[in-house]
Amino acid sequence: MSSGTLPVDDVVGEALVPMSGLLRLLMPTSAVGFALKGLDGRYRLANRAIEELLCRPGERLVGRSEEELVPPAAYSLLAECDRQILAGEASARADVELACSGPSRHCSWLKMAILAPDRTLQAIASLIEPATRQQASLAIQETLQRLQEANRDLQQMVFELEQVASTDRLTGAWNRRRLEESVRGEMERMARYGDSLCLLLIDVDRFKPINDQYGHAVGDAVLQRLTALLQGALRKVDSLSRWGGEEFVVLCPNTSRSTASAVAERLRREVAANHFATVGSVSVSIGVAECAAGESWEEWFARADAALYRAKSEGRNQVQVAPEQAGQADSDGYVVANFVQLVWRAAYECGNEIVDRGHRQLFADANRLLAAILSDQSAEQLGMIVDQLLTDVVEHFRDEEAVISAAGFPAAAEHLLLHAALTAEAHRLLDHYRSGTRGVGDVFQFLAYEVVTKHMLGADRLFFGYLRPAAASARPDAAARPGDPQ
């Protein structure tokens, strides 16, 4: 570099300049004139070759503009090149005559845009080659090719650095930073368009004993194998991240809670069915949660974590689905919709063992059917479960009718009509299922929503007060009637 020029770092800052190509052009031995000017039109950087073309002996190019250096005709052509660059072109070229000292020389002048990381124009580079038109064209093309190659190397390096910054070094899955960036975007999209969004939190069962017995190298190999299995079983829209240690997160955009549960069950089965070198079999527990409107990332993750904890505490190697966010259930704490897996709670008990036993049996039947659906059991096996389900519904209704009639429930007749309607609908649905016009998922939805959610946790609650001995004083016939003073 000639004296009077500025250091490269002072001029370029963080511009996306192919530095290896630039430095070659700045070498005193370079035959190509190279210079860099700011958007004020004044040169900030130059090599010796371009100064010999544009300046008188002893003069320097830095700080000067093209208008001061070239004839008006040449300046007009170069100004047009600048306008093209400012308008968004990557490069522009002009053939000009230069006669700073000595005879006039024909030169080919190439200008290129130098962009900052945010893709805004930062500077304009000039490459000048004195030659015949054909020689100049070849020289410029060779130089441009070198710069393009250097730029591709730079872009590859930027891509690799971004990959390092956003992926887990051991497993190659996304890291927590990349996950949280993606979560923000997906939650904004959910809020804008109303799409469903689910989260799967996965934990390797009994991972610490693997490290303790076989060593951390084997533990690392297990995590790498697990990552490959999970990524191979995921849908294209899903993304896998390593949250830390043996915990992983799957983000499922545009996915309902029931679908996410099916995805989680498929992942669980895939892991359980495969062999892991040295340790043999490995299982995972998974918590599933659907993001609720207005819910924060921390609240959403905490619900998935609670579901995972339940899966671990209830025996591991299973999927548990988080209930809807507080405030989305009815005022008495009953789950009201979108069952995936039914969980019996003490609050559902009415106090009569016959009725409660029937309700618990229907919960078990629903979960047995769901498990069979998710595990891809045969149509024959599904048919047997469905038949048993209908038998249990009819038997429960018969037992319940006897109990509420004996207890003196005033609306027993109306309740019997509800049972008759549900039974008729169940038979109709099963006829359609056997003929192939309705799916087994419809059968599960009928049991989970119509029988359990709407009826058992809705209409059945009306007679609870008549069946609980401790609540006798609270029966409607002993309470104040409408219109009485309160």
Protein backbone atom coordinates (compact mmCIF):
# COMPACT_ATOMS: atom_id res chain seq x y z
CA MET A 1 0.00 0.00 0.00
CA SER A 2 1.30 3.46 -0.81
CA SER A 3 1.92 6.08 1.80
CA GLY A 4 -1.00 8.33 2.64
CA THR A 5 -3.61 5.55 2.42
CA LEU A 6 -5.64 4.48 5.47
CA PRO A 7 -5.51 1.04 7.11
CA VAL A 8 -8.11 -1.37 5.80
CA ASP A 9 -9.87 -1.77 9.18
CA ASP A 10 -10.32 1.99 9.52
CA VAL A 11 -12.14 2.16 6.23
CA VAL A 12 -14.13 -1.04 5.94
CA GLY A 13 -15.37 -1.52 9.50
CA GLU A 14 -17.77 -4.46 9.38
CA ALA A 15 -18.48 -4.34 5.64
CA LEU A 16 -18.85 -7.68 3.94
CA VAL A 17 -15.68 -7.36 1.89
CA PRO A 18 -13.82 -10.45 0.62
CA MET A 19 -10.68 -9.56 2.53
CA SER A 20 -8.29 -12.04 0.93
CA GLY A 21 -9.07 -10.68 -2.54
CA LEU A 22 -8.88 -7.08 -1.36
CA LEU A 23 -5.48 -7.54 0.22
CA ARG A 24 -4.11 -9.10 -2.96
CA LEU A 25 -5.25 -6.05 -4.92
CA LEU A 26 -3.62 -3.70 -2.45
CA MET A 27 -0.20 -5.32 -2.84
CA PRO A 28 2.37 -3.06 -4.57
CA THR A 29 2.92 -5.75 -7.20
CA SER A 30 -0.74 -5.80 -8.24
CA ALA A 31 -1.26 -4.76 -11.86
CA VAL A 32 -4.87 -3.86 -11.22
CA GLY A 33 -5.62 -0.41 -9.84
CA PHE A 34 -7.81 -0.71 -6.77
CA ALA A 35 -9.41 1.96 -4.56
CA LEU A 36 -12.28 2.34 -2.14
CA LYS A 37 -14.32 5.51 -1.74
CA GLY A 38 -16.94 6.48 0.78
CA LEU A 39 -20.46 7.58 -0.06
CA ASP A 40 -19.26 11.20 0.12
CA GLY A 41 -17.39 10.52 -3.14
CA ARG A 42 -13.90 10.85 -1.67
CA TYR A 43 -11.35 8.03 -1.74
CA ARG A 44 -10.38 6.43 1.53
CA LEU A 45 -8.09 3.65 0.34
CA ALA A 46 -5.92 3.10 -2.76
CA ASN A 47 -3.07 0.99 -4.08
CA ARG A 48 -0.06 2.22 -6.01
CA ALA A 49 -1.34 1.07 -9.43
CA ILE A 50 -4.43 3.29 -9.31
CA GLU A 51 -2.47 6.29 -8.04
CA GLU A 52 -0.09 6.01 -11.00
CA LEU A 53 -3.10 6.13 -13.32
CA LEU A 54 -5.01 9.00 -11.70
CA CYS A 55 -2.45 11.17 -9.88
CA ARG A 56 0.57 13.24 -10.82
CA PRO A 57 3.95 12.10 -9.45
CA GLY A 58 4.09 12.66 -5.71
CA GLU A 59 0.31 13.11 -5.34
CA ARG A 60 -1.95 10.82 -3.37
CA LEU A 61 -5.48 9.67 -4.12
CA VAL A 62 -6.88 9.50 -0.58
CA GLY A 63 -9.24 12.39 0.20
CA ARG A 64 -9.82 13.34 -3.43
CA SER A 65 -12.85 12.80 -5.70
CA GLU A 66 -13.11 11.56 -9.30
CA GLU A 67 -14.33 14.95 -10.44
CA GLU A 68 -10.92 16.37 -9.49
CA LEU A 69 -8.99 13.56 -11.20
CA VAL A 70 -10.49 12.61 -14.57
CA PRO A 71 -11.60 14.49 -17.70
CA PRO A 72 -15.27 15.63 -17.85
CA ALA A 73 -16.24 12.97 -20.40
CA ALA A 74 -14.80 10.20 -18.22
CA TYR A 75 -16.33 11.70 -15.08
CA SER A 76 -19.78 11.67 -16.71
CA LEU A 77 -19.47 7.93 -17.39
CA LEU A 78 -18.21 7.19 -13.86
CA ALA A 79 -20.99 9.25 -12.29
CA GLU A 80 -23.51 7.12 -14.17
CA CYS A 81 -21.83 3.99 -12.74
CA ASP A 82 -22.22 5.47 -9.25
CA ARG A 83 -25.91 6.12 -9.84
CA GLN A 84 -26.39 2.48 -10.82
CA ILE A 85 -24.63 1.33 -7.65
CA LEU A 86 -26.72 3.68 -5.51
CA ALA A 87 -29.85 2.32 -7.21
CA GLY A 88 -29.00 -1.20 -6.04
CA GLU A 89 -26.80 -2.70 -8.75
CA ALA A 90 -23.97 -4.93 -7.53
CA SER A 91 -21.54 -3.59 -10.12
CA ALA A 92 -21.22 -1.21 -13.11
CA ARG A 93 -18.52 -0.73 -15.76
CA ALA A 94 -17.29 1.98 -18.13
CA ASP A 95 -14.49 2.29 -20.67
CA VAL A 96 -12.72 5.64 -20.18
CA GLU A 97 -9.75 7.61 -21.51
CA LEU A 98 -7.33 8.81 -18.82
CA ALA A 99 -4.54 11.35 -19.42
CA CYS A 100 -3.30 12.54 -16.05
CA SER A 101 0.36 12.59 -17.09
CA GLY A 102 1.78 11.58 -20.44
CA PRO A 103 -0.25 10.22 -23.35
CA SER A 104 -3.92 9.30 -23.05
CA ARG A 105 -4.54 5.71 -21.97
CA HIS A 106 -7.59 3.59 -22.54
CA CYS A 107 -8.80 1.90 -19.31
CA SER A 108 -11.60 -0.36 -18.26
CA TRP A 109 -13.10 0.83 -14.97
CA LEU A 110 -15.22 -1.58 -12.86
CA LYS A 111 -17.16 -0.34 -9.83
CA MET A 112 -18.57 -2.68 -7.17
CA ALA A 113 -20.92 -2.19 -4.22
CA ILE A 114 -19.47 -2.90 -0.76
CA LEU A 115 -22.30 -3.84 1.61
CA ALA A 116 -22.54 -3.75 5.39
CA PRO A 117 -23.91 -6.79 7.30
CA ASP A 118 -27.42 -5.31 7.11
CA ARG A 119 -27.07 -5.21 3.29
CA THR A 120 -26.91 -1.40 3.12
CA LEU A 121 -24.35 0.24 0.85
CA GLN A 122 -21.20 1.16 2.76
CA ALA A 123 -18.66 2.05 0.09
CA ILE A 124 -17.85 1.76 -3.62
CA ALA A 125 -14.80 -0.12 -4.86
CA SER A 126 -13.03 0.73 -8.14
CA LEU A 127 -10.86 -1.60 -10.23
CA ILE A 128 -8.98 -0.08 -13.19
CA GLU A 129 -6.92 -1.88 -15.78
CA PRO A 130 -5.10 0.02 -18.59
CA ALA A 131 -5.12 -2.17 -21.72
CA THR A 132 -6.77 -2.75 -25.02
CA ARG A 133 -10.48 -3.27 -24.72
CA GLN A 134 -10.12 -7.06 -25.06
CA GLN A 135 -7.21 -7.27 -22.61
CA ALA A 136 -8.99 -5.01 -20.15
CA SER A 137 -12.13 -7.10 -20.32
CA LEU A 138 -10.20 -10.30 -19.66
CA ALA A 139 -8.26 -8.77 -16.77
CA ILE A 140 -11.37 -7.35 -15.16
CA GLN A 141 -13.23 -10.64 -15.55
CA GLU A 142 -10.36 -12.55 -13.94
CA THR A 143 -10.23 -10.09 -11.07
CA LEU A 144 -13.97 -10.19 -10.61
CA GLN A 145 -13.89 -14.00 -10.61
CA ARG A 146 -11.23 -13.99 -7.89
CA LEU A 147 -13.32 -11.62 -5.82
CA GLN A 148 -16.46 -13.72 -6.29
CA GLU A 149 -14.58 -16.82 -5.19
CA ALA A 150 -13.29 -14.98 -2.14
CA ASN A 151 -16.81 -13.75 -1.42
CA ARG A 152 -18.18 -17.30 -1.60
CA ASP A 153 -15.52 -18.39 0.87
CA LEU A 154 -16.56 -15.56 3.15
CA GLN A 155 -20.24 -16.42 2.93
CA GLN A 156 -19.46 -20.06 3.70
CA MET A 157 -17.46 -18.98 6.71
CA VAL A 158 -20.37 -16.78 7.91
CA PHE A 159 -22.76 -19.73 7.46
CA GLU A 160 -20.46 -22.06 9.40
CA LEU A 161 -20.08 -19.53 12.21
CA GLU A 162 -23.85 -19.16 12.40
CA GLN A 163 -24.22 -22.93 12.56
CA VAL A 164 -21.72 -23.12 15.40
CA ALA A 165 -23.55 -20.36 17.25
CA SER A 166 -26.99 -22.00 16.89
CA THR A 167 -26.37 -25.75 17.20
CA ASP A 168 -25.40 -28.01 20.05
CA ARG A 169 -21.81 -29.14 19.61
CA LEU A 170 -22.36 -32.71 20.80
CA THR A 171 -25.60 -33.67 19.06
CA GLY A 172 -25.96 -31.23 16.17
CA ALA A 173 -29.49 -30.34 17.28
CA TRP A 174 -30.45 -26.71 17.77
CA ASN A 175 -29.17 -25.21 21.00
CA ARG A 176 -31.21 -23.25 23.53
CA ARG A 177 -30.37 -19.91 21.89
CA ARG A 178 -31.70 -21.00 18.51
CA LEU A 179 -34.80 -22.54 20.10
CA GLU A 180 -35.72 -19.38 22.00
CA GLU A 181 -35.26 -17.29 18.85
CA SER A 182 -37.60 -19.64 16.97
CA VAL A 183 -40.12 -19.72 19.83
CA ARG A 184 -40.48 -15.94 19.74
CA GLY A 185 -41.29 -16.00 16.03
CA GLU A 186 -43.75 -18.89 16.33
CA MET A 187 -45.56 -17.31 19.30
CA GLU A 188 -45.92 -14.07 17.36
CA ARG A 189 -47.30 -16.02 14.40
CA MET A 190 -49.73 -17.85 16.67
CA ALA A 191 -50.96 -14.55 18.13
CA ARG A 192 -51.36 -13.04 14.65
CA TYR A 193 -53.04 -15.91 12.82
CA GLY A 194 -54.49 -18.07 15.59
CA ASP A 195 -52.53 -21.19 14.65
CA SER A 196 -52.02 -23.92 17.25
CA LEU A 197 -48.51 -24.29 18.70
CA CYS A 198 -47.23 -27.17 20.83
CA LEU A 199 -44.11 -28.07 22.76
CA LEU A 200 -42.69 -31.51 23.55
CA LEU A 201 -40.24 -31.75 26.47
CA ILE A 202 -38.25 -35.00 26.30
CA ASP A 203 -36.08 -36.49 29.04
CA VAL A 204 -33.97 -39.66 28.86
CA ASP A 205 -35.06 -42.08 31.59
CA ARG A 206 -32.39 -43.11 34.11
CA PHE A 207 -29.61 -41.33 32.24
CA LYS A 208 -27.39 -40.71 35.27
CA PRO A 209 -26.85 -44.46 35.89
CA ILE A 210 -25.70 -44.76 32.25
CA ASN A 211 -23.01 -42.15 32.84
CA ASP A 212 -22.10 -43.66 36.21
CA GLN A 213 -21.87 -47.25 34.95
CA TYR A 214 -20.43 -46.80 31.46
CA GLY A 215 -18.78 -43.38 31.55
CA HIS A 216 -19.56 -40.05 29.93
CA ALA A 217 -18.27 -41.10 26.52
CA VAL A 218 -20.96 -43.77 26.31
CA GLY A 219 -23.51 -41.29 27.65
CA ASP A 220 -22.55 -38.86 24.90
CA ALA A 221 -22.94 -41.61 22.30
CA VAL A 222 -26.43 -42.35 23.65
CA LEU A 223 -27.40 -38.69 23.24
CA GLN A 224 -26.05 -38.63 19.69
CA ARG A 225 -27.92 -41.79 18.76
CA LEU A 226 -31.08 -40.47 20.41
CA THR A 227 -30.83 -37.22 18.45
CA ALA A 228 -30.56 -39.12 15.16
CA LEU A 229 -33.62 -41.23 16.02
CA LEU A 230 -35.71 -38.24 17.04
CA GLN A 231 -34.77 -36.19 13.99
CA GLY A 232 -35.55 -39.13 11.72
CA ALA A 233 -39.02 -39.55 13.23
CA LEU A 234 -40.03 -35.87 13.29
CA ARG A 235 -42.16 -34.13 10.69
CA LYS A 236 -40.56 -31.51 8.45
CA VAL A 237 -42.30 -28.67 10.29
CA ASP A 238 -40.93 -29.74 13.69
CA SER A 239 -37.59 -28.69 15.13
CA LEU A 240 -35.43 -30.48 17.71
CA SER A 241 -33.31 -28.65 20.26
CA ARG A 242 -31.10 -29.83 23.08
CA TRP A 243 -32.28 -27.99 26.17
CA GLY A 244 -29.43 -29.18 28.35
CA GLY A 245 -28.03 -32.43 29.72
CA GLU A 246 -30.34 -35.24 28.63
CA GLU A 247 -33.35 -32.98 27.98
CA PHE A 248 -34.58 -32.12 24.49
CA VAL A 249 -37.35 -29.87 23.20
CA VAL A 250 -39.44 -30.33 20.06
CA LEU A 251 -41.27 -27.27 18.76
CA CYS A 252 -44.39 -28.18 16.74
CA PRO A 253 -45.83 -25.21 14.78
CA ASN A 254 -49.43 -25.26 13.55
CA THR A 255 -50.07 -28.39 15.63
CA SER A 256 -52.98 -29.15 17.96
CA ARG A 257 -52.60 -30.82 21.32
CA SER A 258 -54.00 -34.14 20.09
CA THR A 259 -51.66 -34.20 17.09
CA ALA A 260 -48.68 -33.26 19.27
CA SER A 261 -49.58 -36.12 21.60
CA ALA A 262 -49.54 -38.53 18.66
CA VAL A 263 -46.16 -37.14 17.55
CA ALA A 264 -44.80 -37.59 21.08
CA GLU A 265 -46.05 -41.16 21.27
CA ARG A 266 -44.42 -41.96 17.93
CA LEU A 267 -41.10 -40.57 19.20
CA ARG A 268 -41.39 -42.54 22.43
CA ARG A 269 -42.02 -45.78 20.55
CA GLU A 270 -39.18 -45.10 18.10
CA VAL A 271 -36.67 -44.73 20.93
CA ALA A 272 -37.96 -47.74 22.87
CA ALA A 273 -37.81 -49.97 19.79
CA ASN A 274 -34.16 -49.25 18.95
CA HIS A 275 -30.90 -50.67 20.26
CA PHE A 276 -28.21 -48.44 21.74
CA ALA A 277 -24.61 -49.65 21.61
CA THR A 278 -23.19 -50.78 24.96
CA VAL A 279 -26.29 -49.89 27.02
CA GLY A 280 -28.94 -51.80 25.06
CA SER A 281 -32.40 -50.29 25.45
CA VAL A 282 -33.19 -46.67 26.31
CA SER A 283 -36.53 -45.03 27.01
CA VAL A 284 -37.75 -41.45 27.20
CA SER A 285 -40.53 -39.65 29.04
CA ILE A 286 -42.30 -36.79 27.27
CA GLY A 287 -44.41 -33.87 28.45
CA VAL A 288 -46.68 -32.13 25.93
CA ALA A 289 -48.21 -28.66 26.24
CA GLU A 290 -50.13 -26.47 23.82
CA CYS A 291 -49.44 -22.74 24.02
CA ALA A 292 -52.47 -20.80 25.25
CA ALA A 293 -53.46 -17.33 24.08
CA GLY A 294 -51.70 -14.68 26.14
CA GLU A 295 -49.39 -17.21 27.79
CA SER A 296 -45.71 -16.37 28.21
CA TRP A 297 -42.90 -18.66 27.08
CA GLU A 298 -41.99 -19.33 30.72
CA GLU A 299 -45.56 -20.30 31.64
CA TRP A 300 -45.92 -22.51 28.60
CA PHE A 301 -42.61 -24.28 29.26
CA ALA A 302 -43.51 -24.76 32.94
CA ARG A 303 -46.70 -26.61 31.97
CA ALA A 304 -44.75 -28.90 29.64
CA ASP A 305 -42.23 -29.47 32.44
CA ALA A 306 -45.04 -30.36 34.88
CA ALA A 307 -46.41 -32.88 32.35
CA LEU A 308 -42.92 -34.37 31.98
CA TYR A 309 -42.58 -34.64 35.76
CA ARG A 310 -45.89 -36.51 35.88
CA ALA A 311 -44.66 -38.91 33.18
CA LYS A 312 -41.48 -39.57 35.18
CA SER A 313 -43.27 -39.98 38.52
CA GLU A 314 -45.91 -42.33 37.11
CA GLY A 315 -43.42 -44.87 35.81
CA ARG A 316 -41.39 -43.29 32.96
CA ASN A 317 -41.41 -44.34 29.29
CA GLN A 318 -44.71 -42.57 28.66
CA VAL A 319 -46.32 -39.40 27.31
CA GLN A 320 -48.28 -37.03 29.51
CA VAL A 321 -50.25 -34.06 28.19
CA ALA A 322 -50.53 -30.84 30.17
CA PRO A 323 -54.09 -29.69 30.92
CA GLU A 324 -55.20 -26.42 29.46
CA GLN A 325 -53.93 -23.27 31.10
CA ALA A 326 -55.66 -22.27 34.31
CA GLY A 327 -58.80 -20.35 33.48
CA GLN A 328 -59.69 -22.51 30.50
CA ALA A 329 -61.46 -25.12 32.63
CA ASP A 330 -64.87 -24.58 34.18
CA SER A 331 -65.28 -22.91 37.57
CA ASP A 332 -65.46 -26.19 39.52
CA GLY A 333 -62.15 -27.42 38.18
CA TYR A 334 -63.42 -29.99 35.71
CA VAL A 335 -61.66 -30.39 32.41
CA VAL A 336 -64.14 -29.31 29.75
CA ALA A 337 -62.75 -30.02 26.27
CA ASN A 338 -60.01 -31.36 24.03
CA PHE A 339 -59.19 -34.50 26.00
CA VAL A 340 -56.16 -36.36 24.79
CA GLN A 341 -55.49 -38.64 27.72
CA LEU A 342 -58.11 -38.74 30.49
CA VAL A 343 -56.78 -38.36 34.04
CA TRP A 344 -59.05 -39.32 36.91
CA ARG A 345 -59.22 -36.79 39.74
CA ALA A 346 -60.74 -36.97 43.20
CA ALA A 347 -62.92 -33.99 42.33
CA TYR A 348 -64.78 -36.18 39.83
CA GLU A 349 -66.11 -38.53 42.55
CA CYS A 350 -69.77 -38.33 43.48
CA GLY A 351 -69.49 -40.44 46.66
CA ASN A 352 -71.34 -43.50 45.37
CA GLU A 353 -68.98 -46.38 44.71
CA ILE A 354 -71.11 -47.92 41.94
CA VAL A 355 -71.25 -44.69 39.94
CA ASP A 356 -67.63 -43.75 40.62
CA ARG A 357 -66.43 -47.22 39.62
CA GLY A 358 -68.32 -46.93 36.33
CA HIS A 359 -66.85 -43.50 35.66
CA ARG A 360 -63.32 -44.72 36.34
CA GLN A 361 -63.91 -47.65 33.99
CA LEU A 362 -64.93 -45.28 31.19
CA PHE A 363 -61.75 -43.26 31.78
CA ALA A 364 -59.71 -46.46 31.50
CA ASP A 365 -61.56 -47.53 28.35
CA ALA A 366 -60.91 -44.16 26.70
CA ASN A 367 -57.22 -44.28 27.53
CA ARG A 368 -56.94 -47.90 26.37
CA LEU A 369 -58.49 -46.95 23.02
CA LEU A 370 -56.22 -43.92 22.67
CA ALA A 371 -53.14 -46.06 23.39
CA ALA A 372 -54.27 -48.60 20.80
CA ILE A 373 -54.79 -45.87 18.20
CA LEU A 374 -51.37 -44.34 18.84
CA SER A 375 -49.61 -47.71 18.78
CA ASP A 376 -51.08 -48.61 15.37
CA GLN A 377 -52.86 -51.75 16.56
CA SER A 378 -54.75 -53.82 14.00
CA ALA A 379 -58.34 -53.10 13.00
CA GLU A 380 -59.39 -56.35 14.71
CA GLN A 381 -57.79 -55.32 18.01
CA LEU A 382 -59.32 -51.85 17.77
CA GLY A 383 -62.72 -53.38 17.05
CA MET A 384 -62.54 -55.51 20.20
CA ILE A 385 -61.68 -52.44 22.32
CA VAL A 386 -64.50 -50.44 20.74
CA ASP A 387 -67.04 -53.24 21.40
CA GLN A 388 -65.94 -53.47 25.05
CA LEU A 389 -66.21 -49.68 25.29
CA LEU A 390 -69.84 -49.71 24.17
CA THR A 391 -70.65 -52.59 26.53
CA ASP A 392 -69.18 -50.66 29.47
CA VAL A 393 -71.07 -47.47 28.54
CA VAL A 394 -74.42 -49.31 28.41
CA GLU A 395 -73.70 -51.18 31.68
CA HIS A 396 -72.66 -47.98 33.44
CA PHE A 397 -75.77 -46.14 32.29
CA ARG A 398 -77.97 -49.01 33.62
CA ASP A 399 -76.23 -49.03 37.01
CA GLU A 400 -76.32 -45.24 37.29
CA GLU A 401 -80.04 -45.10 36.47
CA ALA A 402 -80.78 -47.53 39.29
CA VAL A 403 -78.72 -45.50 41.76
CA ILE A 404 -80.18 -42.08 40.98
CA SER A 405 -83.73 -43.41 40.92
CA ALA A 406 -83.24 -45.00 44.36
CA ALA A 407 -81.69 -41.76 45.65
CA GLY A 408 -84.78 -39.79 44.65
CA PHE A 409 -83.12 -37.57 42.09
CA PRO A 410 -86.04 -35.46 40.78
CA ALA A 411 -84.73 -35.27 37.23
CA ALA A 412 -84.05 -39.02 36.93
CA ALA A 413 -86.51 -39.44 34.04
CA GLU A 414 -84.86 -36.68 32.03
CA HIS A 415 -81.45 -38.21 32.78
CA LEU A 416 -82.60 -41.58 31.47
CA LEU A 417 -83.58 -39.88 28.20
CA LEU A 418 -80.07 -38.44 27.92
CA HIS A 419 -78.66 -41.94 28.39
CA ALA A 420 -80.96 -43.31 25.71
CA ALA A 421 -79.88 -40.60 23.25
CA LEU A 422 -76.16 -41.22 23.94
CA THR A 423 -76.62 -44.98 23.60
CA ALA A 424 -78.42 -44.58 20.27
CA GLU A 425 -75.69 -42.27 19.02
CA ALA A 426 -73.02 -44.75 20.14
CA HIS A 427 -74.69 -47.59 18.22
CA ARG A 428 -75.07 -45.39 15.15
CA LEU A 429 -71.42 -44.34 15.33
CA LEU A 430 -70.23 -47.92 15.71
CA ASP A 431 -72.30 -49.01 12.71
CA HIS A 432 -70.57 -46.31 10.65
CA TYR A 433 -67.19 -47.35 12.07
CA ARG A 434 -67.71 -50.99 11.14
CA SER A 435 -68.81 -50.02 7.64
CA GLY A 436 -65.67 -47.88 7.20
CA THR A 437 -67.46 -44.53 6.86
CA ARG A 438 -66.21 -43.23 10.25
CA GLY A 439 -62.77 -43.61 11.83
CA VAL A 440 -61.78 -44.99 15.20
CA GLY A 441 -60.74 -41.48 16.17
CA ASP A 442 -64.41 -40.48 15.96
CA VAL A 443 -65.25 -43.23 18.44
CA PHE A 444 -62.63 -41.94 20.85
CA GLN A 445 -63.83 -38.38 20.45
CA PHE A 446 -67.41 -39.46 21.18
CA LEU A 447 -66.44 -41.22 24.39
CA ALA A 448 -64.00 -38.55 25.58
CA TYR A 449 -66.09 -35.51 24.74
CA GLU A 450 -69.76 -36.48 24.56
CA VAL A 451 -69.87 -39.16 27.28
CA VAL A 452 -67.16 -38.00 29.70
CA THR A 453 -66.70 -34.25 29.19
CA LYS A 454 -70.24 -33.14 28.46
CA HIS A 455 -72.26 -35.81 30.23
CA MET A 456 -70.28 -37.30 33.10
CA LEU A 457 -68.67 -34.02 34.15
CA GLY A 458 -71.71 -31.98 33.19
CA ALA A 459 -75.16 -33.54 33.43
CA ASP A 460 -74.09 -36.10 36.05
CA ARG A 461 -73.03 -33.37 38.45
CA LEU A 462 -76.67 -32.44 38.89
CA PHE A 463 -77.31 -35.57 41.00
CA PHE A 464 -74.05 -35.58 42.96
CA GLY A 465 -75.66 -33.81 45.92
CA TYR A 466 -78.23 -36.59 46.24
CA LEU A 467 -75.58 -39.32 46.49
CA ARG A 468 -73.11 -37.89 48.99
CA PRO A 469 -74.21 -38.72 52.54
CA ALA A 470 -72.28 -35.76 53.94
CA ALA A 471 -74.08 -33.42 51.59
CA ALA A 472 -77.62 -34.43 52.57
CA SER A 473 -78.32 -31.11 54.18
CA ALA A 474 -77.32 -29.38 50.98
CA ARG A 475 -79.93 -31.22 48.86
CA PRO A 476 -82.24 -28.93 46.91
CA ASP A 477 -85.32 -30.14 48.85
CA ALA A 478 -83.68 -29.00 52.10
CA ALA A 479 -82.33 -25.75 50.77
CA ALA A 480 -84.01 -22.42 50.29
CA ARG A 481 -86.29 -22.44 47.29
CA PRO A 482 -86.28 -19.76 44.61
CA GLY A 483 -88.06 -16.68 45.92
CA ASP A 484 -87.48 -17.47 49.61
CA PRO A 485 -85.53 -14.87 51.65
CA GLN A 486 -81.81 -15.44 51.57
